[in-house]
Amino acid sequence: MGAAKPQPYKVRAIHVVVKGADVLVREYTLDPGEAIPWHRHTEVSDYYYGLEGMVLVETRDPRARHEILVGQFATVKPPTVHQVSNPGKQPCRFLLVQGVGKHDFVKVSETPSGNGG
């Protein structure tokens, strides 16, 4: 097997729960102020489940803001551009289920352009 690709962002912790050919499940811990930058996926949907604190999922086109608390969830379907952050003062934890399809991470610019990303 080849070496794992480095993450295109830094957060406190990422724990792989399940990794299959077309499904990826990870538990994330973000410290206050940490973020997964604006990006999109070609095939997979993201399913966010709140475990601790509050995680913020923001999308472009449609512009939306999902504040996910413990026991709540949100879904982002491809190819929606989105970012995930911890705007709180305490760490947050969430479960991210990605599937079904080939996983990718397509980073996009911080500021939206006229082409949706």
Protein backbone atom coordinates (compact mmCIF):
# COMPACT_ATOMS: atom_id res chain seq x y z
CA MET A 1 0.00 0.00 0.00
CA GLY A 2 1.19 3.53 -0.75
CA ALA A 3 1.84 6.16 1.86
CA ALA A 4 -1.17 8.06 3.16
CA LYS A 5 -1.69 11.49 1.65
CA PRO A 6 -1.13 14.33 4.12
CA GLN A 7 -4.24 16.22 5.22
CA PRO A 8 -4.67 19.59 3.44
CA TYR A 9 -5.52 21.15 6.83
CA LYS A 10 -4.61 20.75 10.52
CA VAL A 11 -7.05 19.96 13.32
CA ARG A 12 -6.52 18.56 16.81
CA ALA A 13 -7.42 14.93 16.01
CA ILE A 14 -8.88 12.67 13.34
CA HIS A 15 -9.67 9.06 14.22
CA VAL A 16 -10.60 6.68 11.39
CA VAL A 17 -13.53 4.51 12.47
CA VAL A 18 -14.23 2.71 9.16
CA LYS A 19 -12.49 2.93 5.80
CA GLY A 20 -13.97 1.01 2.90
CA ALA A 21 -13.83 1.28 -0.88
CA ASP A 22 -16.77 3.69 -0.99
CA VAL A 23 -17.40 4.74 2.65
CA LEU A 24 -15.18 6.64 5.08
CA VAL A 25 -16.14 7.28 8.73
CA ARG A 26 -13.97 9.49 10.95
CA GLU A 27 -14.28 11.13 14.36
CA TYR A 28 -12.92 14.69 14.36
CA THR A 29 -11.88 16.89 17.28
CA LEU A 30 -11.44 20.59 16.52
CA ASP A 31 -9.96 23.05 18.99
CA PRO A 32 -11.52 26.52 19.22
CA GLY A 33 -10.85 28.44 15.99
CA GLU A 34 -9.79 25.37 13.96
CA ALA A 35 -11.41 24.77 10.58
CA ILE A 36 -11.55 22.44 7.61
CA PRO A 37 -11.22 24.96 4.74
CA TRP A 38 -13.66 25.55 1.89
CA HIS A 39 -13.83 22.46 -0.30
CA ARG A 40 -16.15 20.17 -2.20
CA HIS A 41 -16.44 16.50 -3.09
CA THR A 42 -17.05 15.01 -6.53
CA GLU A 43 -19.12 11.96 -5.50
CA VAL A 44 -19.54 11.54 -1.74
CA SER A 45 -22.06 13.18 0.55
CA ASP A 46 -20.93 14.33 4.00
CA TYR A 47 -23.07 13.38 7.01
CA TYR A 48 -22.07 15.32 10.17
CA TYR A 49 -23.18 14.09 13.61
CA GLY A 50 -22.54 16.23 16.70
CA LEU A 51 -20.81 14.46 19.60
CA GLU A 52 -19.52 17.30 21.83
CA GLY A 53 -19.72 21.09 21.73
CA MET A 54 -20.95 22.81 18.57
CA VAL A 55 -19.59 22.37 15.06
CA LEU A 56 -20.43 24.90 12.35
CA VAL A 57 -20.96 23.68 8.76
CA GLU A 58 -21.32 26.48 6.19
CA THR A 59 -22.20 26.02 2.52
CA ARG A 60 -22.20 28.15 -0.61
CA ASP A 61 -24.86 27.95 -3.31
CA PRO A 62 -27.09 27.41 -1.51
CA ARG A 63 -25.69 29.64 1.20
CA ALA A 64 -26.49 27.99 4.54
CA ARG A 65 -25.20 27.81 8.10
CA HIS A 66 -25.73 24.66 10.19
CA GLU A 67 -24.87 24.85 13.91
CA ILE A 68 -24.68 21.19 14.93
CA LEU A 69 -25.02 20.41 18.62
CA VAL A 70 -24.75 17.06 20.42
CA GLY A 71 -27.21 14.60 18.90
CA GLN A 72 -27.92 16.78 15.84
CA PHE A 73 -26.84 16.21 12.25
CA ALA A 74 -26.51 17.87 8.85
CA THR A 75 -25.87 16.62 5.33
CA VAL A 76 -23.85 18.22 2.52
CA LYS A 77 -24.33 16.68 -0.94
CA PRO A 78 -21.79 16.89 -3.77
CA PRO A 79 -20.62 19.14 -5.31
CA THR A 80 -21.70 21.74 -2.70
CA VAL A 81 -18.78 23.90 -1.54
CA HIS A 82 -18.54 23.90 2.26
CA GLN A 83 -16.33 24.51 5.28
CA VAL A 84 -16.43 23.16 8.82
CA SER A 85 -15.25 25.07 11.89
CA ASN A 86 -15.33 25.35 15.65
CA PRO A 87 -16.35 28.92 16.52
CA GLY A 88 -16.74 28.06 20.22
CA LYS A 89 -14.47 28.42 23.23
CA GLN A 90 -14.23 24.65 23.91
CA PRO A 91 -13.18 21.73 21.67
CA CYS A 92 -15.89 20.15 19.55
CA ARG A 93 -16.18 16.55 18.34
CA PHE A 94 -18.23 15.19 15.48
CA LEU A 95 -18.58 12.05 13.46
CA LEU A 96 -18.22 12.46 9.69
CA VAL A 97 -19.66 9.72 7.50
CA GLN A 98 -18.73 10.05 3.82
CA GLY A 99 -20.21 7.93 1.06
CA VAL A 100 -21.22 6.31 -1.08
CA GLY A 101 -18.56 6.76 -3.75
CA LYS A 102 -14.93 7.60 -4.29
CA HIS A 103 -13.63 9.99 -1.63
CA ASP A 104 -11.82 13.16 -2.66
CA PHE A 105 -11.12 16.62 -1.20
CA VAL A 106 -11.16 19.45 -3.75
CA LYS A 107 -9.97 22.63 -2.05
CA VAL A 108 -11.53 25.86 -3.35
CA SER A 109 -10.72 29.54 -2.80
CA GLU A 110 -11.67 31.26 0.43
CA THR A 111 -13.75 33.83 -1.44
CA PRO A 112 -16.52 32.70 -3.76
CA SER A 113 -16.09 33.37 -7.46
CA GLY A 114 -18.78 33.65 -10.08
CA ASN A 115 -18.56 29.92 -10.85
CA GLY A 116 -19.78 28.64 -7.49
CA GLY A 117 -16.50 27.88 -5.86
